[in-house]
Amino acid sequence: MNYTEKYRMWLESPLIDEETKRELSSLKEDPKEIEDRFYKDLEFGTGGLRGIIGAGSNRMNRYTVAKATQGLANYIRKAGDKAIAGGVVIAYDSRRKSPEFALDAALVLCANGIRTYLYTELQPTPVLSFSVRELGATAGIVITASHNPPEYNGYKVYWSDGGQVPPHLDHEIIREVNNMESFEAIRTMPVQWAKDKGLLRYIGEEVLVKYIQRVEDLCIDKELVKREGRNLKVIYTPIHGTGNKPVRRVLKELGFEQITVVPQQEKPDPDFSTVAYPNPEEKEVFTLAIALAEAKRADLIIGTDPDCDRVGVVAKNKQGEYVTLTGNQTGALLVHYCLNALKSSGALPENGCIIKTIVTGEMGRKIAESFGVDTIDTLTGFKFIGEKIKEFEETGSHTFLLGYEESYGYLAGDFVRDKDAVIASMLICEMAAWYRSRGMSLYDGLVSLWDRYGYFKETLKSIQMAGKEGMEKIRILMDDLRNDKPKEIGGVPVVRIEDYLESRAVDGKTGAETKLTLPVSNVLKYKLEDGSWFCARPSGTEPKVKLYFSVTGSNAGEADTKSKALTDAVFRLLKL
């Protein structure tokens, strides 16, 4: 079925509500928009189903949510009685239509005889991950578009281990979705029927209390927190999202007494009215927080994204200026603090392991090596870190200590299987208290690590290419880079090319090939003779290609120079 036929089917279907039909009718004179909305169905990427809210098969709406859920239900039913009995947990964030999409999904599952646990108010994504494990559920769904702009929403599926649904399963679920030829295949039922049959159950405070306790148990040095936490001045912003209650609760209960929330960003707001883009990776998100921090002479600023799985950090330098830390920098600080604290208390295991993604910087690895701790790389996407944690549980090969990625995601503990900004916020504040006890800020701590381990500098360039045409441009860019391999970049020889789509690495000098063992993914990584590298990766959730750059220098000036040279050379190579 082509996009015009799909468009017509939606307009004519008696199952499509009149409001949706009116929206579609308004597009009759805009064939390009019709094509963009119907040329494909939303697909699962590294973050699941995600798209712009609106009518159409390539948009987030109650019908695409219901269709995806029916596919999930079909897969669960085929898995047998045990899977059906386990049920599904559903949570949602503060975005437009999130509560409605959550209820739509719940009623589809209930109509398929699958018990569904639905939260009564918005919750962070990591709480959903915990809840799946705590309730012994077969699967979980969270309605969120994470840090995307307000016009987006999304749908992420989790499996029984609490991790995001792995690739082999999401392909099976999508196959079930694609096998449905019409909306008639989607089952649903009224709310009251679902309640009366005992299929729809609401989750109150009881599960959240257990989660909060487990988070607090991860505090490494509670005596330090009791002693120093009362004096640490922290500005916190939930950026209109789900983190406000759990983050503040954990910090308060542990003894951090001077937590001030940015009042303009405290309440849930689907429009994210104080920011252009609700992403703690963006410095502008912290404008209000920095102003408040200056007024209160705060030691630290932290900000969590709408679904509270990412956290950004702003710290003071020697000049009293507030400096935004990168995800790589915060990750390196956490690696050092956690390993040092565990070693000091005699709790550092012999088989301890740090897990990071292939696009995350190498400073954390160097720090871990100094403590005798292994570092393992995974593909981009925290689901792969979650899979490694599961593997460690089953094999006993390593003890998981910390997982992180450059995009502001961090995890300690094993009771959540996704990045967790509640846990990370607590550890960051504990770490800041430790440095404060030594007369240092977090930024001072970072400088001390640079002095010891080398000056690492990582940058990210995202090239937006919207719509169907944009997706084709991204495909061509990756094909050209893959087929026309450069021998040098900016005058620096290429020593290794890692192609994760073809599962092979090529020696830049000899041409010798070795097999890569990570799962297949459309990612290319070029390593250079001077230790620099860059990586090209199409986003799994948005129509853009991400270019990652990493250099190492003896000081900031040298690193800045090398970083600019590498970035400029790659942009010339890609004709961008």
Protein backbone atom coordinates (compact mmCIF):
# COMPACT_ATOMS: atom_id res chain seq x y z
CA MET A 1 0.00 0.00 0.00
CA ASN A 2 1.47 3.37 -1.04
CA TYR A 3 1.18 6.56 0.99
CA THR A 4 -1.82 7.95 -0.92
CA GLU A 5 -3.75 4.71 -0.35
CA LYS A 6 -2.87 4.80 3.34
CA TYR A 7 -4.01 8.41 3.55
CA ARG A 8 -7.30 7.56 1.92
CA MET A 9 -7.80 4.54 4.19
CA TRP A 10 -7.43 6.71 7.29
CA LEU A 11 -9.89 9.27 5.91
CA GLU A 12 -12.48 6.64 5.09
CA SER A 13 -12.12 4.28 8.02
CA PRO A 14 -15.10 4.26 10.42
CA LEU A 15 -12.63 3.49 13.23
CA ILE A 16 -10.82 6.85 12.92
CA ASP A 17 -12.32 9.61 15.07
CA GLU A 18 -13.67 12.79 13.50
CA GLU A 19 -11.03 15.08 15.01
CA THR A 20 -8.27 13.05 13.35
CA LYS A 21 -10.14 13.06 10.05
CA ARG A 22 -10.46 16.84 10.19
CA GLU A 23 -6.72 17.15 10.69
CA LEU A 24 -6.08 14.88 7.71
CA SER A 25 -8.62 16.68 5.53
CA SER A 26 -6.76 19.95 6.10
CA LEU A 27 -3.76 18.40 4.32
CA LYS A 28 -5.51 17.72 0.98
CA GLU A 29 -3.66 20.55 -0.75
CA ASP A 30 -0.28 19.59 0.71
CA PRO A 31 0.89 16.35 -0.98
CA LYS A 32 4.41 16.65 0.46
CA GLU A 33 3.06 16.68 4.02
CA ILE A 34 0.76 13.76 3.23
CA GLU A 35 3.73 11.79 1.91
CA ASP A 36 5.81 12.53 5.01
CA ARG A 37 3.01 11.39 7.29
CA PHE A 38 2.24 8.16 5.42
CA TYR A 39 5.30 7.02 3.44
CA LYS A 40 6.24 4.66 6.25
CA ASP A 41 5.13 3.41 9.66
CA LEU A 42 6.99 4.51 12.77
CA GLU A 43 9.70 1.99 13.54
CA PHE A 44 11.53 0.90 16.66
CA GLY A 45 15.05 2.34 16.90
CA THR A 46 17.54 2.46 19.78
CA GLY A 47 14.89 4.25 21.86
CA GLY A 48 11.75 2.55 20.58
CA LEU A 49 8.85 4.26 18.81
CA ARG A 50 9.26 8.04 18.58
CA GLY A 51 7.83 10.73 16.34
CA ILE A 52 5.96 14.00 15.96
CA ILE A 53 2.47 14.01 17.44
CA GLY A 54 -0.21 14.12 14.76
CA ALA A 55 -2.42 12.11 12.41
CA GLY A 56 -0.78 9.57 10.09
CA SER A 57 1.08 6.25 10.12
CA ASN A 58 4.43 8.09 10.50
CA ARG A 59 3.24 10.12 13.49
CA MET A 60 2.59 9.54 17.16
CA ASN A 61 -1.15 9.23 17.79
CA ARG A 62 -3.60 6.95 19.55
CA TYR A 63 -3.80 4.68 16.49
CA THR A 64 -0.07 4.13 16.01
CA VAL A 65 0.19 3.59 19.78
CA ALA A 66 -2.70 1.11 19.68
CA LYS A 67 -1.24 -0.69 16.67
CA ALA A 68 2.17 -1.02 18.31
CA THR A 69 0.50 -2.27 21.49
CA GLN A 70 -1.59 -4.82 19.59
CA GLY A 71 1.63 -6.09 18.03
CA LEU A 72 3.16 -6.37 21.50
CA ALA A 73 0.04 -8.14 22.77
CA ASN A 74 0.15 -10.62 19.87
CA TYR A 75 3.78 -11.40 20.66
CA ILE A 76 3.05 -11.87 24.38
CA ARG A 77 0.08 -14.15 23.66
CA LYS A 78 2.20 -16.30 21.35
CA ALA A 79 4.82 -16.55 24.10
CA GLY A 80 2.36 -18.54 26.22
CA ASP A 81 0.37 -18.50 29.45
CA LYS A 82 3.30 -17.52 31.66
CA ALA A 83 3.99 -14.41 29.59
CA ILE A 84 0.30 -13.49 29.58
CA ALA A 85 0.04 -13.95 33.35
CA GLY A 86 3.07 -11.72 33.96
CA GLY A 87 1.29 -8.70 32.57
CA VAL A 88 2.62 -5.31 31.48
CA VAL A 89 3.52 -2.19 33.48
CA ILE A 90 2.88 1.24 31.93
CA ALA A 91 4.29 4.63 32.95
CA TYR A 92 4.25 8.02 31.28
CA ASP A 93 5.87 11.46 31.43
CA SER A 94 4.68 15.09 31.24
CA ARG A 95 4.40 15.34 27.44
CA ARG A 96 1.35 16.09 25.34
CA LYS A 97 -0.95 13.10 25.10
CA SER A 98 1.22 10.97 27.40
CA PRO A 99 -1.58 10.04 29.86
CA GLU A 100 -3.98 9.40 26.97
CA PHE A 101 -1.50 7.23 25.06
CA ALA A 102 -0.74 5.29 28.25
CA LEU A 103 -4.42 4.54 28.81
CA ASP A 104 -4.95 3.63 25.14
CA ALA A 105 -2.10 1.13 25.37
CA ALA A 106 -3.44 -0.29 28.64
CA LEU A 107 -6.91 -0.89 27.21
CA VAL A 108 -5.52 -2.69 24.16
CA LEU A 109 -3.55 -5.02 26.42
CA CYS A 110 -6.57 -5.61 28.67
CA ALA A 111 -8.76 -6.40 25.65
CA ASN A 112 -6.21 -9.09 24.80
CA GLY A 113 -6.54 -10.65 28.26
CA ILE A 114 -3.22 -9.26 29.51
CA ARG A 115 -3.21 -7.78 33.01
CA THR A 116 -1.92 -4.20 32.98
CA TYR A 117 -0.45 -2.10 35.79
CA LEU A 118 -0.84 1.63 35.14
CA TYR A 119 0.74 4.39 37.21
CA THR A 120 -1.68 6.98 38.60
CA GLU A 121 0.70 9.88 37.95
CA LEU A 122 3.72 10.63 35.78
CA GLN A 123 6.92 8.73 36.63
CA PRO A 124 10.56 8.67 35.49
CA THR A 125 11.55 6.05 32.94
CA PRO A 126 13.91 4.28 35.41
CA VAL A 127 10.98 3.80 37.78
CA LEU A 128 9.24 1.89 34.99
CA SER A 129 12.31 -0.30 34.53
CA PHE A 130 12.38 -1.02 38.27
CA SER A 131 8.64 -1.69 38.38
CA VAL A 132 8.81 -4.36 35.66
CA ARG A 133 11.34 -6.28 37.72
CA GLU A 134 9.64 -5.63 41.06
CA LEU A 135 6.20 -6.79 39.86
CA GLY A 136 7.58 -9.73 37.89
CA ALA A 137 5.95 -8.42 34.72
CA THR A 138 6.58 -9.76 31.25
CA ALA A 139 7.01 -6.32 29.74
CA GLY A 140 6.77 -2.59 30.36
CA ILE A 141 5.84 0.47 28.33
CA VAL A 142 6.78 4.06 29.00
CA ILE A 143 5.22 6.90 27.03
CA THR A 144 7.95 9.49 26.54
CA ALA A 145 10.05 11.24 23.92
CA SER A 146 12.80 11.81 26.47
CA HIS A 147 14.63 15.06 25.65
CA ASN A 148 13.05 15.73 22.24
CA PRO A 149 11.19 18.99 21.45
CA PRO A 150 7.57 19.38 22.68
CA GLU A 151 5.99 18.34 19.37
CA TYR A 152 7.37 14.80 19.89
CA ASN A 153 6.21 11.86 21.91
CA GLY A 154 7.36 8.27 22.06
CA TYR A 155 6.74 4.72 23.18
CA LYS A 156 9.47 2.53 24.64
CA VAL A 157 9.05 -1.17 25.36
CA TYR A 158 10.88 -2.94 28.18
CA TRP A 159 11.18 -6.65 28.80
CA SER A 160 11.05 -8.83 31.90
CA ASP A 161 14.64 -8.07 32.96
CA GLY A 162 13.78 -4.36 33.13
CA GLY A 163 15.91 -3.49 30.10
CA GLN A 164 14.68 -2.00 26.84
CA VAL A 165 13.39 -4.65 24.49
CA PRO A 166 16.43 -6.15 22.71
CA PRO A 167 16.80 -6.01 18.90
CA HIS A 168 15.73 -9.59 18.21
CA LEU A 169 12.51 -9.04 20.14
CA ASP A 170 11.63 -5.61 18.75
CA HIS A 171 11.96 -7.07 15.26
CA GLU A 172 9.47 -9.77 16.23
CA ILE A 173 7.08 -7.21 17.70
CA ILE A 174 7.33 -5.04 14.59
CA ARG A 175 6.62 -8.10 12.47
CA GLU A 176 3.43 -8.63 14.46
CA VAL A 177 2.52 -4.96 13.96
CA ASN A 178 3.15 -5.11 10.23
CA ASN A 179 1.07 -8.26 9.86
CA MET A 180 -2.03 -6.27 10.76
CA GLU A 181 -3.64 -5.03 7.56
CA SER A 182 -6.34 -2.85 9.10
CA PHE A 183 -7.41 -1.16 12.32
CA GLU A 184 -10.04 -3.88 12.73
CA ALA A 185 -7.26 -6.10 14.06
CA ILE A 186 -6.77 -3.81 17.08
CA ARG A 187 -8.70 -4.86 20.18
CA THR A 188 -9.71 -2.47 22.95
CA MET A 189 -12.32 -2.18 25.69
CA PRO A 190 -13.90 0.47 27.95
CA VAL A 191 -12.02 1.45 31.12
CA GLN A 192 -14.73 0.20 33.46
CA TRP A 193 -14.84 -3.22 31.82
CA ALA A 194 -11.06 -3.53 32.22
CA LYS A 195 -11.37 -2.63 35.93
CA ASP A 196 -14.31 -4.95 36.54
CA LYS A 197 -12.47 -7.88 35.00
CA GLY A 198 -9.42 -7.20 37.17
CA LEU A 199 -7.29 -6.62 34.10
CA LEU A 200 -6.53 -2.93 34.74
CA ARG A 201 -4.79 -2.22 38.02
CA TYR A 202 -3.39 1.10 39.18
CA ILE A 203 0.00 1.48 40.87
CA GLY A 204 0.18 3.83 43.79
CA GLU A 205 2.98 4.68 46.22
CA GLU A 206 3.95 1.14 47.25
CA VAL A 207 6.32 0.34 44.37
CA LEU A 208 7.84 3.82 44.34
CA VAL A 209 8.74 3.56 48.05
CA LYS A 210 10.75 0.41 47.33
CA TYR A 211 12.52 2.11 44.43
CA ILE A 212 13.45 5.13 46.56
CA GLN A 213 14.92 2.87 49.25
CA ARG A 214 17.02 0.95 46.71
CA VAL A 215 18.36 4.23 45.32
CA GLU A 216 19.31 5.47 48.77
CA ASP A 217 21.07 2.17 49.47
CA LEU A 218 23.47 3.01 46.61
CA CYS A 219 24.88 5.97 48.52
CA ILE A 220 28.50 4.86 49.04
CA ASP A 221 29.50 7.05 51.98
CA LYS A 222 26.42 7.96 54.02
CA GLU A 223 28.52 9.38 56.86
CA LEU A 224 30.13 11.80 54.43
CA VAL A 225 26.69 12.85 53.18
CA LYS A 226 25.39 13.38 56.71
CA ARG A 227 28.46 15.44 57.55
CA GLU A 228 28.84 17.51 54.38
CA GLY A 229 25.46 17.26 52.67
CA ARG A 230 23.82 19.84 54.92
CA ASN A 231 26.29 22.48 53.68
CA LEU A 232 26.22 21.66 49.95
CA LYS A 233 24.13 24.21 48.09
CA VAL A 234 22.45 22.61 45.07
CA ILE A 235 20.20 24.16 42.44
CA TYR A 236 17.98 21.56 40.77
CA THR A 237 15.76 21.77 37.70
CA PRO A 238 13.51 18.94 36.52
CA ILE A 239 12.95 20.92 33.27
CA HIS A 240 9.16 20.57 33.63
CA GLY A 241 9.43 16.79 33.77
CA THR A 242 9.13 13.77 36.03
CA GLY A 243 12.22 14.14 38.22
CA ASN A 244 10.93 16.76 40.64
CA LYS A 245 9.45 14.50 43.32
CA PRO A 246 11.83 11.48 43.33
CA VAL A 247 15.10 13.43 42.98
CA ARG A 248 14.21 15.89 45.73
CA ARG A 249 12.90 13.11 47.98
CA VAL A 250 16.07 11.01 47.72
CA LEU A 251 18.39 13.97 48.33
CA LYS A 252 16.37 15.23 51.28
CA GLU A 253 16.11 11.84 52.97
CA LEU A 254 19.87 11.29 52.69
CA GLY A 255 20.69 14.63 54.31
CA PHE A 256 21.12 17.19 51.53
CA GLU A 257 19.33 20.08 53.19
CA GLN A 258 20.00 22.93 50.78
CA ILE A 259 18.30 21.83 47.57
CA THR A 260 16.60 24.69 45.73
CA VAL A 261 14.37 23.98 42.74
CA VAL A 262 14.15 26.44 39.85
CA PRO A 263 10.57 27.62 40.46
CA GLN A 264 9.78 28.42 36.80
CA GLN A 265 10.71 24.83 35.79
CA GLU A 266 9.32 22.90 38.74
CA LYS A 267 5.84 22.00 37.49
CA PRO A 268 5.12 19.55 34.65
CA ASP A 269 4.60 21.45 31.41
CA PRO A 270 4.14 19.67 28.05
CA ASP A 271 5.15 22.83 26.20
CA PHE A 272 8.44 23.14 28.12
CA SER A 273 7.72 26.84 28.03
CA THR A 274 10.99 28.06 29.57
CA VAL A 275 13.31 26.27 27.14
CA ALA A 276 13.59 25.78 23.40
CA TYR A 277 14.68 22.18 23.78
CA PRO A 278 14.27 20.22 27.08
CA ASN A 279 17.66 18.58 26.90
CA PRO A 280 20.27 18.94 29.70
CA GLU A 281 22.95 18.58 27.01
CA GLU A 282 21.99 22.11 25.90
CA LYS A 283 23.63 24.88 27.94
CA GLU A 284 20.63 27.20 27.42
CA VAL A 285 18.49 24.86 29.53
CA PHE A 286 20.42 26.06 32.59
CA THR A 287 20.00 29.82 32.05
CA LEU A 288 17.44 30.19 34.84
CA ALA A 289 19.31 27.74 37.07
CA ILE A 290 22.60 29.62 36.70
CA ALA A 291 20.93 32.93 37.56
CA LEU A 292 19.47 31.36 40.69
CA ALA A 293 22.80 29.72 41.55
CA GLU A 294 24.60 33.06 41.31
CA ALA A 295 22.06 34.64 43.62
CA LYS A 296 22.37 31.85 46.20
CA ARG A 297 26.10 31.22 45.68
CA ALA A 298 25.36 27.58 45.01
CA ASP A 299 28.06 24.92 44.75
CA LEU A 300 26.36 22.83 42.09
CA ILE A 301 23.58 22.77 39.51
CA ILE A 302 21.90 19.58 38.27
CA GLY A 303 19.12 19.22 35.72
CA THR A 304 17.17 16.14 34.64
CA ASP A 305 15.39 15.70 31.31
CA PRO A 306 11.58 15.20 31.06
CA ASP A 307 11.60 11.45 31.71
CA CYS A 308 14.46 11.71 34.21
CA ASP A 309 16.88 9.28 32.64
CA ARG A 310 19.53 11.92 31.81
CA VAL A 311 21.16 14.49 34.05
CA GLY A 312 23.31 17.51 33.26
CA VAL A 313 25.79 19.15 35.63
CA VAL A 314 27.01 22.73 36.01
CA ALA A 315 29.91 23.38 38.39
CA LYS A 316 31.96 26.36 39.57
CA ASN A 317 35.48 27.01 38.35
CA LYS A 318 38.23 28.92 40.21
CA GLN A 319 36.94 32.20 38.84
CA GLY A 320 33.50 31.56 40.32
CA GLU A 321 31.97 31.00 36.88
CA TYR A 322 29.42 28.23 36.32
CA VAL A 323 30.72 25.78 33.71
CA THR A 324 28.55 23.16 31.99
CA LEU A 325 30.16 19.72 32.10
CA THR A 326 29.86 17.30 29.20
CA GLY A 327 28.49 13.81 29.64
CA ASN A 328 31.98 12.42 29.13
CA GLN A 329 33.39 14.67 31.85
CA THR A 330 30.67 13.82 34.38
CA GLY A 331 31.09 10.14 33.53
CA ALA A 332 34.85 10.28 34.13
CA LEU A 333 34.30 12.07 37.45
CA LEU A 334 31.79 9.41 38.53
CA VAL A 335 34.12 6.58 37.54
CA HIS A 336 36.92 8.07 39.63
CA TYR A 337 34.75 8.92 42.64
CA CYS A 338 32.91 5.59 42.78
CA LEU A 339 36.03 3.46 42.33
CA ASN A 340 38.02 5.52 44.82
CA ALA A 341 35.21 5.44 47.40
CA LEU A 342 34.72 1.69 46.99
CA LYS A 343 38.47 1.07 47.26
CA SER A 344 38.75 3.28 50.36
CA SER A 345 35.97 1.33 52.07
CA GLY A 346 37.41 -2.04 51.02
CA ALA A 347 34.36 -2.77 48.86
CA LEU A 348 35.96 -2.69 45.39
CA PRO A 349 35.50 -6.19 43.89
CA GLU A 350 38.37 -7.92 42.08
CA ASN A 351 36.22 -8.51 38.99
CA GLY A 352 34.63 -5.04 38.91
CA CYS A 353 33.68 -3.64 35.53
CA ILE A 354 32.72 -0.31 33.96
CA ILE A 355 30.49 -0.38 30.87
CA LYS A 356 30.37 2.44 28.31
CA THR A 357 29.31 2.88 24.70
CA ILE A 358 31.62 2.98 21.66
CA VAL A 359 30.98 6.72 21.13
CA THR A 360 31.82 7.59 24.73
CA GLY A 361 35.26 9.07 25.49
CA GLU A 362 38.22 7.07 26.79
CA MET A 363 39.08 9.02 29.95
CA GLY A 364 36.87 6.77 32.07
CA ARG A 365 38.69 3.69 30.75
CA LYS A 366 42.08 5.20 31.66
CA ILE A 367 40.83 6.00 35.17
CA ALA A 368 39.39 2.50 35.59
CA GLU A 369 42.70 0.96 34.50
CA SER A 370 44.47 2.83 37.30
CA PHE A 371 42.18 1.01 39.77
CA GLY A 372 42.64 -2.36 38.08
CA VAL A 373 39.06 -2.30 36.79
CA ASP A 374 38.01 -3.48 33.32
CA THR A 375 36.02 -1.35 30.87
CA ILE A 376 33.76 -2.96 28.28
CA ASP A 377 32.29 -1.16 25.24
CA THR A 378 28.77 -1.64 23.87
CA LEU A 379 26.84 -0.19 20.97
CA THR A 380 25.09 3.15 21.48
CA GLY A 381 21.87 2.77 23.42
CA PHE A 382 21.58 1.92 27.08
CA LYS A 383 19.70 -1.27 26.23
CA PHE A 384 23.08 -2.78 25.37
CA ILE A 385 24.52 -1.82 28.75
CA GLY A 386 21.46 -3.43 30.33
CA GLU A 387 22.11 -6.61 28.34
CA LYS A 388 25.70 -6.72 29.65
CA ILE A 389 24.48 -6.41 33.24
CA LYS A 390 22.18 -9.39 32.60
CA GLU A 391 25.08 -11.33 31.09
CA PHE A 392 27.24 -10.63 34.17
CA GLU A 393 24.42 -11.93 36.39
CA GLU A 394 24.19 -15.14 34.43
CA THR A 395 27.93 -15.81 34.00
CA GLY A 396 29.47 -14.22 37.08
CA SER A 397 32.32 -12.99 34.87
CA HIS A 398 32.24 -9.44 36.21
CA THR A 399 30.63 -7.34 38.90
CA PHE A 400 28.86 -4.35 37.41
CA LEU A 401 29.94 -1.07 39.02
CA LEU A 402 28.92 1.77 36.72
CA GLY A 403 27.52 2.22 33.22
CA TYR A 404 27.51 5.47 31.30
CA GLU A 405 27.29 7.12 27.91
CA GLU A 406 28.34 10.50 26.59
CA SER A 407 24.71 11.62 26.17
CA TYR A 408 24.32 12.26 29.93
CA GLY A 409 23.14 8.77 30.90
CA TYR A 410 24.54 6.99 34.00
CA LEU A 411 23.64 3.93 36.07
CA ALA A 412 24.85 2.24 39.25
CA GLY A 413 23.22 -0.76 40.88
CA ASP A 414 21.42 -3.62 39.14
CA PHE A 415 17.76 -3.06 40.10
CA VAL A 416 17.25 -0.68 37.13
CA ARG A 417 18.34 -1.65 33.63
CA ASP A 418 18.35 1.75 31.95
CA LYS A 419 20.07 5.05 32.59
CA ASP A 420 18.76 6.56 35.79
CA ALA A 421 18.98 10.27 36.58
CA VAL A 422 17.59 9.78 40.10
CA ILE A 423 20.51 7.49 40.97
CA ALA A 424 22.97 9.69 39.07
CA SER A 425 21.75 12.90 40.75
CA MET A 426 22.32 11.31 44.15
CA LEU A 427 25.83 10.09 43.27
CA ILE A 428 26.75 13.46 41.71
CA CYS A 429 25.69 15.28 44.89
CA GLU A 430 27.58 12.76 47.04
CA MET A 431 30.64 13.27 44.84
CA ALA A 432 30.30 17.06 45.07
CA ALA A 433 30.11 16.78 48.87
CA TRP A 434 33.34 14.72 48.84
CA TYR A 435 35.17 17.33 46.79
CA ARG A 436 33.73 20.11 48.95
CA SER A 437 35.17 18.42 52.03
CA ARG A 438 38.56 18.91 50.35
CA GLY A 439 37.92 22.53 49.50
CA MET A 440 37.27 21.74 45.84
CA SER A 441 34.38 22.11 43.41
CA LEU A 442 33.43 19.40 40.92
CA TYR A 443 35.19 21.43 38.24
CA ASP A 444 38.34 21.53 40.38
CA GLY A 445 38.02 17.75 40.60
CA LEU A 446 37.84 17.50 36.82
CA VAL A 447 40.97 19.62 36.45
CA SER A 448 42.80 17.34 38.88
CA LEU A 449 41.82 14.33 36.74
CA TRP A 450 43.08 16.08 33.59
CA ASP A 451 46.38 16.76 35.31
CA ARG A 452 46.68 13.09 36.20
CA TYR A 453 45.22 11.28 33.19
CA GLY A 454 45.57 13.74 30.27
CA TYR A 455 43.31 16.36 28.73
CA PHE A 456 40.52 14.57 26.88
CA LYS A 457 38.18 16.60 24.69
CA GLU A 458 35.10 15.20 22.99
CA THR A 459 32.61 16.99 20.77
CA LEU A 460 29.38 16.06 19.02
CA LYS A 461 27.99 17.52 15.81
CA SER A 462 24.43 16.62 14.84
CA ILE A 463 23.40 17.13 11.23
CA GLN A 464 19.61 17.41 10.96
CA MET A 465 18.05 16.07 7.75
CA ALA A 466 14.31 16.08 8.21
CA GLY A 467 11.75 14.02 6.33
CA LYS A 468 11.99 11.33 3.66
CA GLU A 469 14.57 13.31 1.64
CA GLY A 470 16.69 13.74 4.74
CA MET A 471 16.71 10.01 5.45
CA GLU A 472 17.93 9.38 1.89
CA LYS A 473 20.72 11.95 2.31
CA ILE A 474 21.84 10.22 5.51
CA ARG A 475 21.92 6.86 3.71
CA ILE A 476 24.06 8.30 0.90
CA LEU A 477 26.45 9.96 3.37
CA MET A 478 27.04 6.70 5.24
CA ASP A 479 27.43 4.71 2.00
CA ASP A 480 30.01 7.17 0.66
CA LEU A 481 32.00 7.10 3.90
CA ARG A 482 31.85 3.30 3.97
CA ASN A 483 32.81 2.75 0.33
CA ASP A 484 35.46 5.46 -0.08
CA LYS A 485 37.65 4.89 2.99
CA PRO A 486 40.14 7.73 3.57
CA LYS A 487 43.77 6.81 4.32
CA GLU A 488 44.28 9.96 6.34
CA ILE A 489 42.14 12.68 7.87
CA GLY A 490 43.58 16.17 8.23
CA GLY A 491 47.02 14.82 7.47
CA VAL A 492 46.86 12.23 10.27
CA PRO A 493 46.99 8.58 9.11
CA VAL A 494 43.98 6.33 9.76
CA VAL A 495 45.13 3.28 11.72
CA ARG A 496 41.84 1.43 12.17
CA ILE A 497 38.35 1.53 10.66
CA GLU A 498 35.52 -0.15 12.57
CA ASP A 499 32.41 -0.87 10.51
CA TYR A 500 29.69 -2.20 12.78
CA LEU A 501 27.26 -2.73 9.91
CA GLU A 502 29.66 -5.14 8.26
CA SER A 503 30.98 -6.40 11.65
CA ARG A 504 34.62 -5.93 10.68
CA ALA A 505 37.61 -3.78 11.54
CA VAL A 506 40.23 -2.90 8.94
CA ASP A 507 43.86 -2.06 9.75
CA GLY A 508 44.56 1.29 8.09
CA LYS A 509 48.17 0.38 7.23
CA THR A 510 48.05 -3.31 6.33
CA GLY A 511 44.44 -3.73 5.26
CA ALA A 512 44.13 -6.77 7.51
CA GLU A 513 40.59 -7.47 8.70
CA THR A 514 39.32 -8.68 12.06
CA LYS A 515 35.76 -9.52 13.10
CA LEU A 516 33.79 -7.25 15.43
CA THR A 517 31.67 -9.09 17.98
CA LEU A 518 29.12 -6.40 18.83
CA PRO A 519 25.65 -6.57 17.22
CA VAL A 520 25.18 -5.22 13.70
CA SER A 521 24.58 -1.46 13.59
CA ASN A 522 25.03 1.27 10.99
CA VAL A 523 28.04 2.87 12.68
CA LEU A 524 31.50 3.77 11.37
CA LYS A 525 34.44 4.63 13.63
CA TYR A 526 37.79 5.92 12.36
CA LYS A 527 40.80 5.78 14.70
CA LEU A 528 43.83 7.94 13.89
CA GLU A 529 47.54 7.57 14.56
CA ASP A 530 47.65 10.33 17.21
CA GLY A 531 44.96 8.68 19.34
CA SER A 532 42.13 10.82 17.97
CA TRP A 533 38.97 9.28 16.54
CA PHE A 534 35.68 10.17 14.98
CA CYS A 535 32.48 8.19 14.60
CA ALA A 536 29.47 8.57 12.29
CA ARG A 537 26.10 7.21 13.45
CA PRO A 538 22.60 7.89 12.14
CA SER A 539 20.29 8.52 15.08
CA GLY A 540 18.00 5.66 15.98
CA THR A 541 15.24 8.02 17.09
CA GLU A 542 15.53 11.18 14.97
CA PRO A 543 16.19 12.07 11.29
CA LYS A 544 19.79 13.15 11.77
CA VAL A 545 23.32 11.82 11.62
CA LYS A 546 25.58 12.23 14.64
CA LEU A 547 29.31 12.83 14.28
CA TYR A 548 31.43 12.18 17.37
CA PHE A 549 34.98 13.51 17.76
CA SER A 550 37.62 12.77 20.38
CA VAL A 551 41.18 14.06 20.87
CA THR A 552 43.72 14.02 23.67
CA GLY A 553 46.18 16.81 24.46
CA SER A 554 48.65 17.76 27.15
CA ASN A 555 46.62 20.89 27.92
CA ALA A 556 43.38 22.65 27.00
CA GLY A 557 44.90 24.73 24.23
CA GLU A 558 46.45 21.75 22.47
CA ALA A 559 43.24 19.74 22.75
CA ASP A 560 41.14 22.62 21.37
CA THR A 561 43.47 22.99 18.39
CA LYS A 562 43.44 19.27 17.62
CA SER A 563 39.66 19.09 18.01
CA LYS A 564 39.02 21.93 15.55
CA ALA A 565 41.46 20.46 13.03
CA LEU A 566 39.81 17.03 13.19
CA THR A 567 36.26 18.43 12.95
CA ASP A 568 37.12 20.66 9.98
CA ALA A 569 38.85 17.79 8.18
CA VAL A 570 35.87 15.45 8.62
CA PHE A 571 33.39 18.09 7.44
CA ARG A 572 35.50 18.61 4.31
CA LEU A 573 35.62 14.86 3.77
CA LEU A 574 31.82 14.58 4.04
CA LYS A 575 31.22 17.77 2.01
CA LEU A 576 29.14 19.28 4.83
